Each structure stands twice: as structure tokens, then as C-alpha cells.
């Protein structure tokens, strides 16, 4: 704070000022260390909430993935058997005059399509459940970290009020020091007082410059203090917003990717079925 104070250098020649500055600085540092520990605890609490959300969501995804794998494996077994039966029926139909084997083969393919559609719906329902639960988890996390952030901001606000009190006391002490030195210089022994240097007497004799420096220094300190408070508040709000936004964007990307996977899987399964159907149709065309 004193580094940005361009006015303090104008009155630093006042004897006793350094002691007042050191006292103020020591108390401000002690207050800062105390609040730092509390804010670190709040940061740890916020991190815990976020980690808890991630762990719960990862478990949700793992359970959904396990159910999806099981559903896909069941369909593959069913579809594999149906496609084999369709191919076998088609081969047998080559010697059938009535084409009953070909009809049976197409029915097997239809059953495979039903199995594929059933799998698709099951996977989409699983994903829908994941999306719904994810939204609930994100909302719960947002509420939790906003509460932690609010507590942290309240603690920070209280800290800045403490520093503001110290600053006001500092301002009063410096002002009182100036009055005391002026009275000392104006006393009968003032001219011979070695305690007052020539530089000190020069600033004391210029009352306007003295008052402007003291008041200007105080204004700089208060301005810096309020700016730091605003910055910390904005950083806290931005941090919470960033976490929530990141979770929502990540979930949106995951959902888009998963939907694409499910659609691709459906196309793949239908492609396998259609290849067998094309073979059946080709044989029928050759027969006729």
C-alpha cells in the first residue's frame, strides 16, 4: 500500500512517523495472516465440493457405461444369431420352389432390426438419465460452491473493514503527530530544538502542503483498499462462475459425443443387417 503512496514521501522527514508506519504495517500484516488461513480453509472446502461432484459424476458415467456395454453385448449375441439364421434360411431357399426360406430369412432380419432399435432406445434412455442426473449434480455443486464463495467474501469484507479501521487510526495518528510537531516548533524552545530538522521545519511551515500530503496519503490508502476489496470480490464470483461454466460445457461436449456414438452404433448395426438383406435380394433376383 505504501509503495503506491506518492504523498508519504513528502512527509517522511517528520520524526516519529516511521514508528507509526511500522505499527500500522505490523498490525495489517497480522490481520492479513489471520484471514489468509481462514480463506485457505474456504478454498479447501470449495475444492472438496468440486472434487465430490467430479467423483459422483464419474461414478454415474461408469455405471451408465457398464449398463451400455451389457446392452450392446446382449444385442450383438441376438443379432449374430439372427443374421446366421437369416443367411442359413437364404441358403436353404435356393432349393425351395416356393421361396419360403427367403421369407424366413427376411423375417430374421426384421427381428434383428427390432433388436437394434431396442438397443438404440435403451442407450438413448441411459444417456437421457445421465444428462438429467448431471444437471442435478451441477446445480447442487453450484449451490454449494456459491455458499462457500459467499462465506469467503463475507470474511474478506470483514478483513477489509479491519484494515480500514487501522488506516483511519493511522491517519489520525499522523495528523496528531503533525499537530504535536507544530506545537513543539511554535514553543519558546522551538527554534533551538534539535529534534526538528531543517527538512521537518520546511514541511511544517507549509501548512497547505502538510495537510495535502497527509490527506492525500489517506485517500490513496483508502482507494487502494477499496480497489483490492472489489478485485477480490470479482475474482471470487468469477471463480465460481468459471467452475460452473466449465462443468456445463464439459457435460454438453460429453453428451454430444455420446449421442454421436449411439447414432454411429445404430448405423453400424443396420449396415450389417442390410448387407445380409442385399445378399438375400441378390440371390432372389438371380433365381428369378
C-alpha atoms as a PDB file:
ATOM      1  CA  UNK A   1       0.000   0.000   0.000  1.00  0.00           C
ATOM      2  CA  UNK A   2       2.816   2.413   0.873  1.00  0.00           C
ATOM      3  CA  UNK A   3       4.574   1.605  -2.420  1.00  0.00           C
ATOM      4  CA  UNK A   4       1.784   3.349  -4.337  1.00  0.00           C
ATOM      5  CA  UNK A   5       1.688   6.248  -1.852  1.00  0.00           C
ATOM      6  CA  UNK A   6       3.225   9.242  -3.642  1.00  0.00           C
ATOM      7  CA  UNK A   7       2.320  11.622  -0.809  1.00  0.00           C
ATOM      8  CA  UNK A   8       4.004   9.861   2.089  1.00  0.00           C
ATOM      9  CA  UNK A   9       7.478  10.691   0.779  1.00  0.00           C
ATOM     10  CA  UNK A  10       6.657  14.375   1.219  1.00  0.00           C
ATOM     11  CA  UNK A  11       6.260  13.995   4.988  1.00  0.00           C
ATOM     12  CA  UNK A  12       8.620  11.122   5.708  1.00  0.00           C
ATOM     13  CA  UNK A  13      11.008  13.617   7.337  1.00  0.00           C
ATOM     14  CA  UNK A  14       8.601  14.028  10.255  1.00  0.00           C
ATOM     15  CA  UNK A  15      10.245  12.483  13.344  1.00  0.00           C
ATOM     16  CA  UNK A  16       8.132   9.703  14.823  1.00  0.00           C
ATOM     17  CA  UNK A  17       6.380   8.926  11.534  1.00  0.00           C
ATOM     18  CA  UNK A  18       8.360   5.742  10.953  1.00  0.00           C
ATOM     19  CA  UNK A  19       7.170   4.293  14.270  1.00  0.00           C
ATOM     20  CA  UNK A  20       3.553   4.975  13.320  1.00  0.00           C
ATOM     21  CA  UNK A  21       4.063   3.363   9.908  1.00  0.00           C
ATOM     22  CA  UNK A  22       5.755   0.302  11.413  1.00  0.00           C
ATOM     23  CA  UNK A  23       2.954  -0.143  13.954  1.00  0.00           C
ATOM     24  CA  UNK A  24       0.318   0.094  11.228  1.00  0.00           C
ATOM     25  CA  UNK A  25       2.188  -2.269   8.925  1.00  0.00           C
ATOM     26  CA  UNK A  26       2.716  -4.852  11.662  1.00  0.00           C
ATOM     27  CA  UNK A  27      -0.962  -4.899  12.633  1.00  0.00           C
ATOM     28  CA  UNK A  28      -2.077  -5.053   8.990  1.00  0.00           C
ATOM     29  CA  UNK A  29       0.253  -7.991   8.297  1.00  0.00           C
ATOM     30  CA  UNK A  30      -1.031  -9.853  11.355  1.00  0.00           C
ATOM     31  CA  UNK A  31      -4.625  -9.329  10.229  1.00  0.00           C
ATOM     32  CA  UNK A  32      -3.729 -10.486   6.716  1.00  0.00           C
ATOM     33  CA  UNK A  33      -2.113 -13.683   8.004  1.00  0.00           C
ATOM     34  CA  UNK A  34      -5.185 -14.487  10.093  1.00  0.00           C
ATOM     35  CA  UNK A  35      -7.622 -14.016   7.229  1.00  0.00           C
ATOM     36  CA  UNK A  36      -5.312 -15.888   4.849  1.00  0.00           C
ATOM     37  CA  UNK A  37      -5.612 -19.038   6.960  1.00  0.00           C
ATOM     38  CA  UNK A  38      -9.401 -18.804   7.038  1.00  0.00           C
ATOM     39  CA  UNK A  39      -9.638 -18.163   3.301  1.00  0.00           C
ATOM     40  CA  UNK A  40      -7.368 -21.134   2.618  1.00  0.00           C
ATOM     41  CA  UNK A  41      -9.830 -23.265   4.572  1.00  0.00           C
ATOM     42  CA  UNK A  42     -12.664 -21.941   2.419  1.00  0.00           C
ATOM     43  CA  UNK A  43     -10.665 -22.671  -0.718  1.00  0.00           C
ATOM     44  CA  UNK A  44     -10.134 -26.225   0.505  1.00  0.00           C
ATOM     45  CA  UNK A  45     -13.879 -26.526   1.158  1.00  0.00           C
ATOM     46  CA  UNK A  46     -14.631 -25.305  -2.364  1.00  0.00           C
ATOM     47  CA  UNK A  47     -12.130 -27.753  -3.852  1.00  0.00           C
ATOM     48  CA  UNK A  48     -13.718 -30.557  -1.840  1.00  0.00           C
ATOM     49  CA  UNK A  49     -17.158 -29.728  -3.248  1.00  0.00           C
ATOM     50  CA  UNK A  50     -15.817 -29.720  -6.808  1.00  0.00           C
ATOM     51  CA  UNK A  51     -13.902 -32.967  -6.307  1.00  0.00           C
ATOM     52  CA  UNK A  52     -17.017 -34.532  -4.781  1.00  0.00           C
ATOM     53  CA  UNK A  53     -19.032 -33.543  -7.834  1.00  0.00           C
ATOM     54  CA  UNK A  54     -16.411 -34.991 -10.178  1.00  0.00           C
ATOM     55  CA  UNK A  55     -16.235 -38.266  -8.256  1.00  0.00           C
ATOM     56  CA  UNK A  56     -20.020 -38.658  -8.188  1.00  0.00           C
ATOM     57  CA  UNK A  57     -20.328 -37.832 -11.877  1.00  0.00           C
ATOM     58  CA  UNK A  58     -17.543 -40.229 -12.829  1.00  0.00           C
ATOM     59  CA  UNK A  59     -19.315 -42.968 -10.880  1.00  0.00           C
ATOM     60  CA  UNK A  60     -22.553 -42.135 -12.695  1.00  0.00           C
ATOM     61  CA  UNK A  61     -20.797 -42.368 -16.058  1.00  0.00           C
ATOM     62  CA  UNK A  62     -19.133 -45.648 -15.113  1.00  0.00           C
ATOM     63  CA  UNK A  63     -22.466 -47.190 -14.131  1.00  0.00           C
ATOM     64  CA  UNK A  64     -24.090 -45.980 -17.351  1.00  0.00           C
ATOM     65  CA  UNK A  65     -21.171 -47.309 -19.383  1.00  0.00           C
ATOM     66  CA  UNK A  66     -21.425 -50.693 -17.694  1.00  0.00           C
ATOM     67  CA  UNK A  67     -25.150 -50.868 -18.463  1.00  0.00           C
ATOM     68  CA  UNK A  68     -24.495 -49.756 -22.057  1.00  0.00           C
ATOM     69  CA  UNK A  69     -21.817 -52.400 -22.603  1.00  0.00           C
ATOM     70  CA  UNK A  70     -24.141 -55.072 -21.258  1.00  0.00           C
ATOM     71  CA  UNK A  71     -26.964 -53.931 -23.548  1.00  0.00           C
ATOM     72  CA  UNK A  72     -24.671 -53.849 -26.598  1.00  0.00           C
ATOM     73  CA  UNK A  73     -23.319 -57.317 -25.859  1.00  0.00           C
ATOM     74  CA  UNK A  74     -26.846 -58.701 -25.498  1.00  0.00           C
ATOM     75  CA  UNK A  75     -27.844 -57.201 -28.832  1.00  0.00           C
ATOM     76  CA  UNK A  76     -24.729 -58.470 -30.569  1.00  0.00           C
ATOM     77  CA  UNK A  77     -25.401 -62.010 -29.400  1.00  0.00           C
ATOM     78  CA  UNK A  78     -29.004 -61.764 -30.528  1.00  0.00           C
ATOM     79  CA  UNK A  79     -28.184 -60.082 -33.837  1.00  0.00           C
ATOM     80  CA  UNK A  80     -25.359 -62.510 -34.590  1.00  0.00           C
ATOM     81  CA  UNK A  81     -27.689 -65.458 -34.140  1.00  0.00           C
ATOM     82  CA  UNK A  82     -30.455 -63.859 -36.194  1.00  0.00           C
ATOM     83  CA  UNK A  83     -28.096 -62.977 -39.039  1.00  0.00           C
ATOM     84  CA  UNK A  84     -26.761 -66.537 -39.065  1.00  0.00           C
ATOM     85  CA  UNK A  85     -30.304 -67.855 -39.204  1.00  0.00           C
ATOM     86  CA  UNK A  86     -31.162 -65.423 -41.987  1.00  0.00           C
ATOM     87  CA  UNK A  87     -28.142 -66.499 -44.018  1.00  0.00           C
ATOM     88  CA  UNK A  88     -28.918 -70.169 -43.411  1.00  0.00           C
ATOM     89  CA  UNK A  89     -32.549 -69.704 -44.385  1.00  0.00           C
ATOM     90  CA  UNK A  90     -31.461 -67.912 -47.525  1.00  0.00           C
ATOM     91  CA  UNK A  91     -29.114 -70.741 -48.459  1.00  0.00           C
ATOM     92  CA  UNK A  92     -31.861 -73.256 -47.895  1.00  0.00           C
ATOM     93  CA  UNK A  93     -34.261 -71.228 -50.015  1.00  0.00           C
ATOM     94  CA  UNK A  94     -32.128 -71.811 -53.104  1.00  0.00           C
ATOM     95  CA  UNK A  95     -33.721 -75.221 -53.415  1.00  0.00           C
ATOM     96  CA  UNK A  96     -37.219 -74.138 -52.406  1.00  0.00           C
ATOM     97  CA  UNK A  97     -39.649 -73.578 -55.205  1.00  0.00           C
ATOM     98  CA  UNK A  98     -41.976 -71.531 -53.017  1.00  0.00           C
ATOM     99  CA  UNK A  99     -39.219 -69.204 -51.653  1.00  0.00           C
ATOM    100  CA  UNK A 100     -40.263 -69.912 -48.066  1.00  0.00           C
ATOM    101  CA  UNK A 101     -36.645 -69.915 -46.922  1.00  0.00           C
ATOM    102  CA  UNK A 102     -36.099 -66.438 -48.297  1.00  0.00           C
ATOM    103  CA  UNK A 103     -39.187 -65.177 -46.494  1.00  0.00           C
ATOM    104  CA  UNK A 104     -37.941 -66.690 -43.257  1.00  0.00           C
ATOM    105  CA  UNK A 105     -34.569 -65.066 -43.778  1.00  0.00           C
ATOM    106  CA  UNK A 106     -36.154 -61.653 -44.186  1.00  0.00           C
ATOM    107  CA  UNK A 107     -38.139 -62.212 -41.008  1.00  0.00           C
ATOM    108  CA  UNK A 108     -34.933 -62.935 -39.123  1.00  0.00           C
ATOM    109  CA  UNK A 109     -33.539 -59.676 -40.456  1.00  0.00           C
ATOM    110  CA  UNK A 110     -36.644 -57.856 -39.322  1.00  0.00           C
ATOM    111  CA  UNK A 111     -36.165 -59.311 -35.849  1.00  0.00           C
ATOM    112  CA  UNK A 112     -32.552 -58.124 -35.917  1.00  0.00           C
ATOM    113  CA  UNK A 113     -33.744 -54.631 -36.814  1.00  0.00           C
ATOM    114  CA  UNK A 114     -36.149 -54.704 -33.879  1.00  0.00           C
ATOM    115  CA  UNK A 115     -33.268 -55.726 -31.603  1.00  0.00           C
ATOM    116  CA  UNK A 116     -31.154 -52.874 -32.993  1.00  0.00           C
ATOM    117  CA  UNK A 117     -33.936 -50.353 -32.424  1.00  0.00           C
ATOM    118  CA  UNK A 118     -34.466 -51.693 -28.915  1.00  0.00           C
ATOM    119  CA  UNK A 119     -30.752 -51.267 -28.189  1.00  0.00           C
ATOM    120  CA  UNK A 120     -30.801 -47.743 -29.613  1.00  0.00           C
ATOM    121  CA  UNK A 121     -33.713 -46.743 -27.392  1.00  0.00           C
ATOM    122  CA  UNK A 122     -32.088 -48.318 -24.355  1.00  0.00           C
ATOM    123  CA  UNK A 123     -28.813 -46.472 -24.953  1.00  0.00           C
ATOM    124  CA  UNK A 124     -30.634 -43.183 -25.541  1.00  0.00           C
ATOM    125  CA  UNK A 125     -32.629 -43.659 -22.340  1.00  0.00           C
ATOM    126  CA  UNK A 126     -29.447 -44.356 -20.410  1.00  0.00           C
ATOM    127  CA  UNK A 127     -27.900 -41.185 -21.825  1.00  0.00           C
ATOM    128  CA  UNK A 128     -31.032 -39.207 -21.019  1.00  0.00           C
ATOM    129  CA  UNK A 129     -30.795 -40.384 -17.409  1.00  0.00           C
ATOM    130  CA  UNK A 130     -27.123 -39.382 -17.285  1.00  0.00           C
ATOM    131  CA  UNK A 131     -27.916 -35.908 -18.650  1.00  0.00           C
ATOM    132  CA  UNK A 132     -30.729 -35.389 -16.165  1.00  0.00           C
ATOM    133  CA  UNK A 133     -28.629 -36.526 -13.212  1.00  0.00           C
ATOM    134  CA  UNK A 134     -25.656 -34.473 -14.425  1.00  0.00           C
ATOM    135  CA  UNK A 135     -27.806 -31.342 -14.464  1.00  0.00           C
ATOM    136  CA  UNK A 136     -28.940 -32.076 -10.924  1.00  0.00           C
ATOM    137  CA  UNK A 137     -25.351 -32.645  -9.785  1.00  0.00           C
ATOM    138  CA  UNK A 138     -24.143 -29.427 -11.423  1.00  0.00           C
ATOM    139  CA  UNK A 139     -26.986 -27.459  -9.838  1.00  0.00           C
ATOM    140  CA  UNK A 140     -26.182 -28.936  -6.425  1.00  0.00           C
ATOM    141  CA  UNK A 141     -22.472 -28.198  -6.854  1.00  0.00           C
ATOM    142  CA  UNK A 142     -23.233 -24.643  -7.977  1.00  0.00           C
ATOM    143  CA  UNK A 143     -25.332 -24.064  -4.874  1.00  0.00           C
ATOM    144  CA  UNK A 144     -22.635 -25.496  -2.611  1.00  0.00           C
ATOM    145  CA  UNK A 145     -19.699 -23.573  -4.048  1.00  0.00           C
ATOM    146  CA  UNK A 146     -21.723 -20.353  -4.190  1.00  0.00           C
ATOM    147  CA  UNK A 147     -22.383 -20.767  -0.467  1.00  0.00           C
ATOM    148  CA  UNK A 148     -18.674 -21.330   0.202  1.00  0.00           C
ATOM    149  CA  UNK A 149     -17.793 -18.375  -2.017  1.00  0.00           C
ATOM    150  CA  UNK A 150     -20.290 -16.158  -0.209  1.00  0.00           C
ATOM    151  CA  UNK A 151     -18.793 -17.111   3.144  1.00  0.00           C
ATOM    152  CA  UNK A 152     -15.310 -16.354   1.824  1.00  0.00           C
ATOM    153  CA  UNK A 153     -16.426 -12.959   0.529  1.00  0.00           C
ATOM    154  CA  UNK A 154     -18.015 -12.117   3.879  1.00  0.00           C
ATOM    155  CA  UNK A 155     -14.769 -12.998   5.634  1.00  0.00           C
ATOM    156  CA  UNK A 156     -12.796 -10.889   3.162  1.00  0.00           C
ATOM    157  CA  UNK A 157     -15.177  -7.955   3.637  1.00  0.00           C
ATOM    158  CA  UNK A 158     -14.737  -8.171   7.402  1.00  0.00           C
ATOM    159  CA  UNK A 159     -10.971  -8.217   6.900  1.00  0.00           C
ATOM    160  CA  UNK A 160     -11.034  -5.098   4.750  1.00  0.00           C
ATOM    161  CA  UNK A 161     -13.144  -3.319   7.370  1.00  0.00           C
ATOM    162  CA  UNK A 162     -10.470  -4.233   9.918  1.00  0.00           C
ATOM    163  CA  UNK A 163      -7.762  -2.779   7.680  1.00  0.00           C
ATOM    164  CA  UNK A 164      -9.932   0.281   7.101  1.00  0.00           C
ATOM    165  CA  UNK A 165     -10.103   0.866  10.862  1.00  0.00           C
ATOM    166  CA  UNK A 166      -6.318   0.526  11.055  1.00  0.00           C
ATOM    167  CA  UNK A 167      -5.970   3.007   8.202  1.00  0.00           C
ATOM    168  CA  UNK A 168      -8.255   5.528   9.896  1.00  0.00           C
ATOM    169  CA  UNK A 169      -6.273   5.151  13.114  1.00  0.00           C
ATOM    170  CA  UNK A 170      -3.075   5.623  11.142  1.00  0.00           C
ATOM    171  CA  UNK A 171      -4.461   8.792   9.557  1.00  0.00           C
ATOM    172  CA  UNK A 172      -5.465  10.162  12.962  1.00  0.00           C
ATOM    173  CA  UNK A 173      -2.069   9.299  14.443  1.00  0.00           C
ATOM    174  CA  UNK A 174      -0.211  11.021  11.595  1.00  0.00           C
ATOM    175  CA  UNK A 175      -2.478  14.052  11.881  1.00  0.00           C
ATOM    176  CA  UNK A 176      -1.882  14.180  15.628  1.00  0.00           C
ATOM    177  CA  UNK A 177       1.865  13.831  15.078  1.00  0.00           C
ATOM    178  CA  UNK A 178       1.786  16.854  12.779  1.00  0.00           C
ATOM    179  CA  UNK A 179      -0.125  18.884  15.389  1.00  0.00           C
ATOM    180  CA  UNK A 180       2.316  17.855  18.105  1.00  0.00           C
ATOM    181  CA  UNK A 181       5.327  18.799  15.975  1.00  0.00           C
ATOM    182  CA  UNK A 182       3.756  22.136  15.036  1.00  0.00           C
ATOM    183  CA  UNK A 183       3.170  22.921  18.704  1.00  0.00           C
ATOM    184  CA  UNK A 184       6.718  21.896  19.518  1.00  0.00           C
ATOM    185  CA  UNK A 185       8.124  24.116  16.772  1.00  0.00           C
ATOM    186  CA  UNK A 186       5.973  27.035  17.965  1.00  0.00           C
ATOM    187  CA  UNK A 187       7.108  26.688  21.586  1.00  0.00           C
ATOM    188  CA  UNK A 188       9.656  29.020  23.180  1.00  0.00           C
ATOM    189  CA  UNK A 189      12.424  26.488  22.663  1.00  0.00           C
ATOM    190  CA  UNK A 190      11.251  25.555  19.181  1.00  0.00           C
ATOM    191  CA  UNK A 191      13.969  27.341  17.295  1.00  0.00           C
ATOM    192  CA  UNK A 192      16.698  25.508  19.215  1.00  0.00           C
ATOM    193  CA  UNK A 193      15.002  22.099  19.212  1.00  0.00           C
ATOM    194  CA  UNK A 194      17.432  19.666  17.560  1.00  0.00           C
ATOM    195  CA  UNK A 195      14.609  17.105  17.289  1.00  0.00           C
ATOM    196  CA  UNK A 196      13.213  19.129  14.398  1.00  0.00           C
ATOM    197  CA  UNK A 197      15.455  19.004  11.320  1.00  0.00           C
ATOM    198  CA  UNK A 198      15.519  21.704   8.679  1.00  0.00           C
ATOM    199  CA  UNK A 199      13.568  19.447   6.293  1.00  0.00           C
ATOM    200  CA  UNK A 200      10.976  18.859   9.001  1.00  0.00           C
ATOM    201  CA  UNK A 201      10.624  22.582   9.712  1.00  0.00           C
ATOM    202  CA  UNK A 202      10.207  23.273   5.993  1.00  0.00           C
ATOM    203  CA  UNK A 203       7.216  20.953   5.618  1.00  0.00           C
ATOM    204  CA  UNK A 204       5.713  22.119   8.930  1.00  0.00           C
ATOM    205  CA  UNK A 205       5.923  25.738   7.833  1.00  0.00           C
ATOM    206  CA  UNK A 206       4.000  24.906   4.650  1.00  0.00           C
ATOM    207  CA  UNK A 207       0.651  24.034   6.257  1.00  0.00           C
ATOM    208  CA  UNK A 208      -1.163  23.502   2.964  1.00  0.00           C
ATOM    209  CA  UNK A 209       1.476  21.118   1.652  1.00  0.00           C
ATOM    210  CA  UNK A 210       1.492  19.293   5.005  1.00  0.00           C
ATOM    211  CA  UNK A 211      -2.286  18.832   5.123  1.00  0.00           C
ATOM    212  CA  UNK A 212      -2.474  17.924   1.446  1.00  0.00           C
ATOM    213  CA  UNK A 213       0.196  15.262   1.888  1.00  0.00           C
ATOM    214  CA  UNK A 214      -1.499  13.731   4.941  1.00  0.00           C
ATOM    215  CA  UNK A 215      -4.979  13.793   3.389  1.00  0.00           C
ATOM    216  CA  UNK A 216      -3.668  12.670   0.004  1.00  0.00           C
ATOM    217  CA  UNK A 217      -1.878   9.730   1.582  1.00  0.00           C
ATOM    218  CA  UNK A 218      -5.060   8.702   3.371  1.00  0.00           C
ATOM    219  CA  UNK A 219      -7.093   8.943   0.158  1.00  0.00           C
ATOM    220  CA  UNK A 220      -4.551   6.800  -1.696  1.00  0.00           C
ATOM    221  CA  UNK A 221      -4.673   4.146   1.024  1.00  0.00           C
ATOM    222  CA  UNK A 222      -8.480   4.048   1.127  1.00  0.00           C
ATOM    223  CA  UNK A 223      -8.678   3.941  -2.668  1.00  0.00           C
ATOM    224  CA  UNK A 224      -6.193   1.083  -2.814  1.00  0.00           C
ATOM    225  CA  UNK A 225      -8.048  -0.764  -0.074  1.00  0.00           C
ATOM    226  CA  UNK A 226     -11.431  -0.482  -1.795  1.00  0.00           C
ATOM    227  CA  UNK A 227      -9.905  -1.488  -5.135  1.00  0.00           C
ATOM    228  CA  UNK A 228      -8.409  -4.620  -3.563  1.00  0.00           C
ATOM    229  CA  UNK A 229     -11.748  -5.450  -1.961  1.00  0.00           C
ATOM    230  CA  UNK A 230     -13.590  -5.069  -5.273  1.00  0.00           C
ATOM    231  CA  UNK A 231     -10.966  -7.140  -7.084  1.00  0.00           C
ATOM    232  CA  UNK A 232     -11.170  -9.959  -4.544  1.00  0.00           C
ATOM    233  CA  UNK A 233     -14.957  -9.978  -4.723  1.00  0.00           C
ATOM    234  CA  UNK A 234     -14.917 -10.086  -8.518  1.00  0.00           C
ATOM    235  CA  UNK A 235     -12.304 -12.850  -8.521  1.00  0.00           C
ATOM    236  CA  UNK A 236     -14.396 -14.911  -6.122  1.00  0.00           C
ATOM    237  CA  UNK A 237     -17.537 -14.527  -8.222  1.00  0.00           C
ATOM    238  CA  UNK A 238     -15.612 -15.203 -11.428  1.00  0.00           C
ATOM    239  CA  UNK A 239     -14.036 -18.352  -9.965  1.00  0.00           C
ATOM    240  CA  UNK A 240     -17.413 -19.834  -9.061  1.00  0.00           C
ATOM    241  CA  UNK A 241     -18.864 -18.885 -12.448  1.00  0.00           C
ATOM    242  CA  UNK A 242     -15.842 -20.393 -14.219  1.00  0.00           C
ATOM    243  CA  UNK A 243     -16.203 -23.707 -12.386  1.00  0.00           C
ATOM    244  CA  UNK A 244     -19.914 -23.971 -13.162  1.00  0.00           C
ATOM    245  CA  UNK A 245     -19.457 -22.903 -16.780  1.00  0.00           C
ATOM    246  CA  UNK A 246     -16.653 -25.428 -17.224  1.00  0.00           C
ATOM    247  CA  UNK A 247     -18.779 -28.242 -15.797  1.00  0.00           C
ATOM    248  CA  UNK A 248     -21.718 -27.354 -18.053  1.00  0.00           C
ATOM    249  CA  UNK A 249     -19.561 -27.071 -21.169  1.00  0.00           C
ATOM    250  CA  UNK A 250     -17.793 -30.343 -20.420  1.00  0.00           C
ATOM    251  CA  UNK A 251     -21.123 -32.095 -19.898  1.00  0.00           C
ATOM    252  CA  UNK A 252     -22.514 -30.625 -23.123  1.00  0.00           C
ATOM    253  CA  UNK A 253     -19.479 -31.859 -25.077  1.00  0.00           C
ATOM    254  CA  UNK A 254     -19.688 -35.287 -23.446  1.00  0.00           C
ATOM    255  CA  UNK A 255     -23.385 -35.578 -24.280  1.00  0.00           C
ATOM    256  CA  UNK A 256     -22.847 -34.546 -27.926  1.00  0.00           C
ATOM    257  CA  UNK A 257     -20.052 -37.082 -28.284  1.00  0.00           C
ATOM    258  CA  UNK A 258     -22.113 -39.829 -26.675  1.00  0.00           C
ATOM    259  CA  UNK A 259     -25.137 -39.154 -28.894  1.00  0.00           C
ATOM    260  CA  UNK A 260     -22.853 -39.352 -31.923  1.00  0.00           C
ATOM    261  CA  UNK A 261     -21.509 -42.705 -30.674  1.00  0.00           C
ATOM    262  CA  UNK A 262     -25.009 -44.122 -30.214  1.00  0.00           C
ATOM    263  CA  UNK A 263     -26.110 -42.983 -33.675  1.00  0.00           C
ATOM    264  CA  UNK A 264     -22.939 -44.393 -35.237  1.00  0.00           C
ATOM    265  CA  UNK A 265     -23.509 -47.700 -33.471  1.00  0.00           C
ATOM    266  CA  UNK A 266     -27.066 -47.867 -34.798  1.00  0.00           C
ATOM    267  CA  UNK A 267     -25.872 -47.143 -38.346  1.00  0.00           C
ATOM    268  CA  UNK A 268     -23.223 -49.838 -37.994  1.00  0.00           C
ATOM    269  CA  UNK A 269     -25.718 -52.462 -36.837  1.00  0.00           C
ATOM    270  CA  UNK A 270     -28.218 -51.557 -39.555  1.00  0.00           C
ATOM    271  CA  UNK A 271     -25.403 -51.715 -42.097  1.00  0.00           C
ATOM    272  CA  UNK A 272     -24.621 -55.285 -41.042  1.00  0.00           C
ATOM    273  CA  UNK A 273     -28.285 -56.216 -41.387  1.00  0.00           C
ATOM    274  CA  UNK A 274     -28.616 -54.547 -44.775  1.00  0.00           C
ATOM    275  CA  UNK A 275     -25.587 -56.387 -46.124  1.00  0.00           C
ATOM    276  CA  UNK A 276     -27.297 -59.689 -45.393  1.00  0.00           C
ATOM    277  CA  UNK A 277     -30.582 -58.364 -46.841  1.00  0.00           C
ATOM    278  CA  UNK A 278     -28.788 -57.273 -50.012  1.00  0.00           C
ATOM    279  CA  UNK A 279     -27.324 -60.748 -50.334  1.00  0.00           C
ATOM    280  CA  UNK A 280     -30.769 -62.313 -49.954  1.00  0.00           C
ATOM    281  CA  UNK A 281     -32.244 -59.953 -52.531  1.00  0.00           C
ATOM    282  CA  UNK A 282     -29.364 -60.642 -54.918  1.00  0.00           C
ATOM    283  CA  UNK A 283     -29.905 -64.375 -54.691  1.00  0.00           C
ATOM    284  CA  UNK A 284     -33.640 -63.919 -55.233  1.00  0.00           C
ATOM    285  CA  UNK A 285     -33.005 -61.825 -58.330  1.00  0.00           C
ATOM    286  CA  UNK A 286     -30.629 -64.436 -59.726  1.00  0.00           C
ATOM    287  CA  UNK A 287     -33.159 -67.181 -59.020  1.00  0.00           C
ATOM    288  CA  UNK A 288     -35.935 -65.430 -60.859  1.00  0.00           C
END
